[in-house]
C-alpha atoms as a PDB file:
ATOM      1  CA  MET A   1      -2.053  94.803  13.987  1.00  0.00           C
ATOM      2  CA  LYS A   2      -1.109  94.166  17.610  1.00  0.00           C
ATOM      3  CA  ASN A   3      -1.828  90.439  17.217  1.00  0.00           C
ATOM      4  CA  LYS A   4       0.527  90.114  14.233  1.00  0.00           C
ATOM      5  CA  PHE A   5       3.292  91.837  16.193  1.00  0.00           C
ATOM      6  CA  THR A   6       2.795  89.528  19.184  1.00  0.00           C
ATOM      7  CA  LEU A   7       2.792  86.475  16.921  1.00  0.00           C
ATOM      8  CA  PHE A   8       6.084  87.628  15.397  1.00  0.00           C
ATOM      9  CA  PHE A   9       7.769  87.592  18.818  1.00  0.00           C
ATOM     10  CA  PHE A  10       6.522  84.068  19.519  1.00  0.00           C
ATOM     11  CA  LEU A  11       8.098  82.839  16.297  1.00  0.00           C
ATOM     12  CA  LEU A  12      11.580  84.029  17.287  1.00  0.00           C
ATOM     13  CA  PRO A  13      13.837  81.743  19.324  1.00  0.00           C
ATOM     14  CA  PRO A  14      14.066  82.810  22.985  1.00  0.00           C
ATOM     15  CA  SER A  15      17.858  83.125  22.758  1.00  0.00           C
ATOM     16  CA  ILE A  16      17.561  86.117  20.426  1.00  0.00           C
ATOM     17  CA  PHE A  17      16.308  88.231  23.316  1.00  0.00           C
ATOM     18  CA  LEU A  18      19.415  87.357  25.334  1.00  0.00           C
ATOM     19  CA  PHE A  19      21.736  88.280  22.541  1.00  0.00           C
ATOM     20  CA  SER A  20      23.726  91.267  23.557  1.00  0.00           C
ATOM     21  CA  SER A  21      24.087  93.841  26.203  1.00  0.00           C
ATOM     22  CA  CYS A  22      26.982  96.201  26.198  1.00  0.00           C
ATOM     23  CA  VAL A  23      28.837  96.145  29.511  1.00  0.00           C
ATOM     24  CA  ALA A  24      31.167  98.976  28.531  1.00  0.00           C
ATOM     25  CA  ALA A  25      30.936 101.024  25.377  1.00  0.00           C
ATOM     26  CA  THR A  26      34.335 100.081  23.989  1.00  0.00           C
ATOM     27  CA  ASN A  27      35.865  96.818  25.099  1.00  0.00           C
ATOM     28  CA  GLU A  28      33.245  94.550  26.672  1.00  0.00           C
ATOM     29  CA  VAL A  29      30.088  92.826  25.510  1.00  0.00           C
ATOM     30  CA  GLU A  30      27.844  90.124  26.935  1.00  0.00           C
ATOM     31  CA  ILE A  31      26.288  87.557  24.621  1.00  0.00           C
ATOM     32  CA  SER A  32      23.897  84.927  25.976  1.00  0.00           C
ATOM     33  CA  GLY A  33      25.430  85.182  29.442  1.00  0.00           C
ATOM     34  CA  ILE A  34      29.030  85.001  28.206  1.00  0.00           C
ATOM     35  CA  LYS A  35      31.086  88.085  29.024  1.00  0.00           C
ATOM     36  CA  LEU A  36      33.681  88.966  26.398  1.00  0.00           C
ATOM     37  CA  SER A  37      36.324  91.635  26.948  1.00  0.00           C
ATOM     38  CA  LEU A  38      39.178  92.799  24.783  1.00  0.00           C
ATOM     39  CA  ASN A  39      42.497  94.112  26.075  1.00  0.00           C
ATOM     40  CA  ASN A  40      44.734  95.026  23.139  1.00  0.00           C
ATOM     41  CA  CYS A  41      44.553  91.777  21.115  1.00  0.00           C
ATOM     42  CA  GLU A  42      43.835  89.485  24.040  1.00  0.00           C
ATOM     43  CA  LEU A  43      40.304  88.172  24.332  1.00  0.00           C
ATOM     44  CA  ASN A  44      39.040  87.292  27.786  1.00  0.00           C
ATOM     45  CA  TYR A  45      35.718  85.581  28.278  1.00  0.00           C
ATOM     46  CA  GLU A  46      33.821  84.083  31.144  1.00  0.00           C
ATOM     47  CA  TYR A  47      30.966  81.587  31.276  1.00  0.00           C
ATOM     48  CA  ASP A  48      29.659  79.409  34.104  1.00  0.00           C
ATOM     49  CA  GLY A  49      32.401  80.786  36.362  1.00  0.00           C
ATOM     50  CA  ILE A  50      35.150  79.612  33.996  1.00  0.00           C
ATOM     51  CA  LYS A  51      37.569  82.301  32.785  1.00  0.00           C
ATOM     52  CA  GLU A  52      39.442  81.924  29.505  1.00  0.00           C
ATOM     53  CA  LYS A  53      42.148  84.073  27.933  1.00  0.00           C
ATOM     54  CA  ARG A  54      43.176  83.892  24.274  1.00  0.00           C
ATOM     55  CA  ILE A  55      45.769  85.811  22.286  1.00  0.00           C
ATOM     56  CA  LEU A  56      44.266  86.592  18.870  1.00  0.00           C
ATOM     57  CA  VAL A  57      45.916  86.227  15.463  1.00  0.00           C
ATOM     58  CA  LEU A  58      45.621  90.001  14.995  1.00  0.00           C
ATOM     59  CA  THR A  59      48.788  91.723  16.136  1.00  0.00           C
ATOM     60  CA  ASP A  60      47.844  95.067  17.704  1.00  0.00           C
ATOM     61  CA  ASN A  61      45.286  97.886  17.897  1.00  0.00           C
ATOM     62  CA  CYS A  62      42.350  95.475  18.160  1.00  0.00           C
ATOM     63  CA  HIS A  63      38.857  96.551  19.072  1.00  0.00           C
ATOM     64  CA  PHE A  64      35.298  95.305  18.708  1.00  0.00           C
ATOM     65  CA  HIS A  65      33.514  96.401  15.553  1.00  0.00           C
ATOM     66  CA  LYS A  66      30.946  98.928  16.749  1.00  0.00           C
ATOM     67  CA  ASN A  67      27.422  99.826  15.731  1.00  0.00           C
ATOM     68  CA  ARG A  68      26.315 103.407  15.051  1.00  0.00           C
ATOM     69  CA  THR A  69      25.918 104.140  18.775  1.00  0.00           C
ATOM     70  CA  GLY A  70      29.486 103.031  19.574  1.00  0.00           C
ATOM     71  CA  GLU A  71      28.607  99.702  21.199  1.00  0.00           C
ATOM     72  CA  PRO A  72      30.030  96.376  20.009  1.00  0.00           C
ATOM     73  CA  ARG A  73      27.912  95.158  17.093  1.00  0.00           C
ATOM     74  CA  VAL A  74      26.525  91.650  17.482  1.00  0.00           C
ATOM     75  CA  GLU A  75      24.647  89.900  14.669  1.00  0.00           C
ATOM     76  CA  PHE A  76      22.482  86.805  14.973  1.00  0.00           C
ATOM     77  CA  VAL A  77      23.056  84.702  11.829  1.00  0.00           C
ATOM     78  CA  HIS A  78      22.582  81.012  11.108  1.00  0.00           C
ATOM     79  CA  GLY A  79      21.387  80.502  14.681  1.00  0.00           C
ATOM     80  CA  LYS A  80      24.615  81.890  16.154  1.00  0.00           C
ATOM     81  CA  PHE A  81      25.816  85.192  17.544  1.00  0.00           C
ATOM     82  CA  VAL A  82      28.783  86.782  15.800  1.00  0.00           C
ATOM     83  CA  VAL A  83      30.888  89.719  16.945  1.00  0.00           C
ATOM     84  CA  LEU A  84      33.795  91.084  14.903  1.00  0.00           C
ATOM     85  CA  ILE A  85      37.168  92.247  16.106  1.00  0.00           C
ATOM     86  CA  GLU A  86      38.897  94.821  13.923  1.00  0.00           C
ATOM     87  CA  ARG A  87      42.455  95.929  13.416  1.00  0.00           C
ATOM     88  CA  SER A  88      42.852  98.916  11.113  1.00  0.00           C
ATOM     89  CA  ILE A  89      45.978 100.844  10.113  1.00  0.00           C
ATOM     90  CA  PRO A  90      46.590 103.460   7.397  1.00  0.00           C
ATOM     91  CA  HIS A  91      47.537 101.731   4.150  1.00  0.00           C
ATOM     92  CA  PRO A  92      51.360 101.599   3.774  1.00  0.00           C
ATOM     93  CA  LYS A  93      51.190 102.846   0.152  1.00  0.00           C
ATOM     94  CA  GLN A  94      48.996 105.884   0.875  1.00  0.00           C
ATOM     95  CA  ASN A  95      51.911 108.327   0.517  1.00  0.00           C
ATOM     96  CA  VAL A  96      53.193 106.944  -2.806  1.00  0.00           C
ATOM     97  CA  ASP A  97      50.045 105.876  -4.667  1.00  0.00           C
ATOM     98  CA  SER A  98      47.006 108.175  -4.899  1.00  0.00           C
ATOM     99  CA  PHE A  99      44.655 105.157  -5.098  1.00  0.00           C
ATOM    100  CA  TYR A 100      45.525 104.285  -1.490  1.00  0.00           C
ATOM    101  CA  LYS A 101      45.310 107.861  -0.140  1.00  0.00           C
ATOM    102  CA  GLY A 102      42.970 107.900   2.879  1.00  0.00           C
ATOM    103  CA  LYS A 103      42.512 104.120   2.789  1.00  0.00           C
ATOM    104  CA  CYS A 104      43.353 101.566   5.458  1.00  0.00           C
ATOM    105  CA  ASP A 105      44.391  97.947   5.709  1.00  0.00           C
ATOM    106  CA  THR A 106      41.795  96.385   7.960  1.00  0.00           C
ATOM    107  CA  GLU A 107      41.609  92.850   9.291  1.00  0.00           C
ATOM    108  CA  LEU A 108      38.401  91.394  10.675  1.00  0.00           C
ATOM    109  CA  LEU A 109      38.230  88.378  12.942  1.00  0.00           C
ATOM    110  CA  GLY A 110      34.990  86.667  13.870  1.00  0.00           C
ATOM    111  CA  ILE A 111      34.036  85.433  17.319  1.00  0.00           C
ATOM    112  CA  VAL A 112      31.091  83.029  17.208  1.00  0.00           C
ATOM    113  CA  VAL A 113      29.000  82.281  20.292  1.00  0.00           C
ATOM    114  CA  ASN A 114      26.722  79.266  20.082  1.00  0.00           C
ATOM    115  CA  ASN A 115      25.331  76.971  22.792  1.00  0.00           C
ATOM    116  CA  ASN A 116      27.559  78.470  25.531  1.00  0.00           C
ATOM    117  CA  LYS A 117      30.672  77.925  23.408  1.00  0.00           C
ATOM    118  CA  VAL A 118      33.027  80.617  22.138  1.00  0.00           C
ATOM    119  CA  ASN A 119      34.631  79.830  18.800  1.00  0.00           C
ATOM    120  CA  ILE A 120      37.442  82.146  17.730  1.00  0.00           C
ATOM    121  CA  ARG A 121      38.062  81.896  14.009  1.00  0.00           C
ATOM    122  CA  LYS A 122      41.621  81.013  13.092  1.00  0.00           C
ATOM    123  CA  THR A 123      41.741  83.131   9.938  1.00  0.00           C
ATOM    124  CA  SER A 124      40.932  86.778   9.451  1.00  0.00           C
ATOM    125  CA  VAL A 125      39.459  88.647   6.500  1.00  0.00           C
ATOM    126  CA  LYS A 126      41.425  91.546   5.005  1.00  0.00           C
ATOM    127  CA  VAL A 127      39.600  94.513   3.508  1.00  0.00           C
ATOM    128  CA  LEU A 128      40.635  97.846   2.016  1.00  0.00           C
ATOM    129  CA  GLY A 129      38.633 100.207   4.189  1.00  0.00           C
ATOM    130  CA  CYS A 130      39.029 102.084   7.423  1.00  0.00           C
ATOM    131  CA  SER A 131      37.556 101.212  10.773  1.00  0.00           C
ATOM    132  CA  GLY A 132      34.208 102.829  11.389  1.00  0.00           C
ATOM    133  CA  LEU A 133      32.453 101.412   8.342  1.00  0.00           C
ATOM    134  CA  MET A 134      29.345  99.307   8.888  1.00  0.00           C
ATOM    135  CA  TRP A 135      30.482  95.970   7.524  1.00  0.00           C
ATOM    136  CA  ASP A 136      27.974  94.025   5.475  1.00  0.00           C
ATOM    137  CA  LYS A 137      26.032  91.315   7.295  1.00  0.00           C
ATOM    138  CA  LYS A 138      27.552  88.835   4.782  1.00  0.00           C
ATOM    139  CA  ILE A 139      30.871  89.130   6.621  1.00  0.00           C
ATOM    140  CA  PHE A 140      29.191  88.100   9.880  1.00  0.00           C
ATOM    141  CA  SER A 141      27.443  85.300   8.017  1.00  0.00           C
ATOM    142  CA  SER A 142      30.711  83.990   6.542  1.00  0.00           C
ATOM    143  CA  PHE A 143      32.226  83.649  10.022  1.00  0.00           C
ATOM    144  CA  ALA A 144      29.090  81.881  11.303  1.00  0.00           C
ATOM    145  CA  GLU A 145      29.090  79.463   8.360  1.00  0.00           C
ATOM    146  CA  SER A 146      32.808  78.703   8.636  1.00  0.00           C
ATOM    147  CA  SER A 147      32.384  77.817  12.307  1.00  0.00           C
ATOM    148  CA  GLU A 148      30.227  74.857  11.257  1.00  0.00           C
ATOM    149  CA  LYS A 149      33.082  73.166   9.395  1.00  0.00           C
END
């Protein structure tokens, strides 16, 4: 059994072992040597000594989507690393329509890291659900696929 396990690790690309370390539990993550930090809805990232700052299309209350341990969740899909940024507010109709009671308007924005490049998606995805849900890996995959176009 040990040999099969060892073989499995040799079949994975080396970059997968570099994928993510959480610098701070809430607003920073490092992916393949690129440090990403979030301050409100401003994304700062640094690679090869170059610092970049981008204002995101989300308006306020932005944060990294987190895994079950509270660290930014990073998925490796289609050969790229994807991290999501969330913005979630209580649904505006929750006080007048029982269907919306306890629900939120949430926007998700994908950040794709591939070959030392950071690609911030220009469009977000809107979902009817509150922050704290574990979003399906298909959402990460859709941002990775759309970055190829």
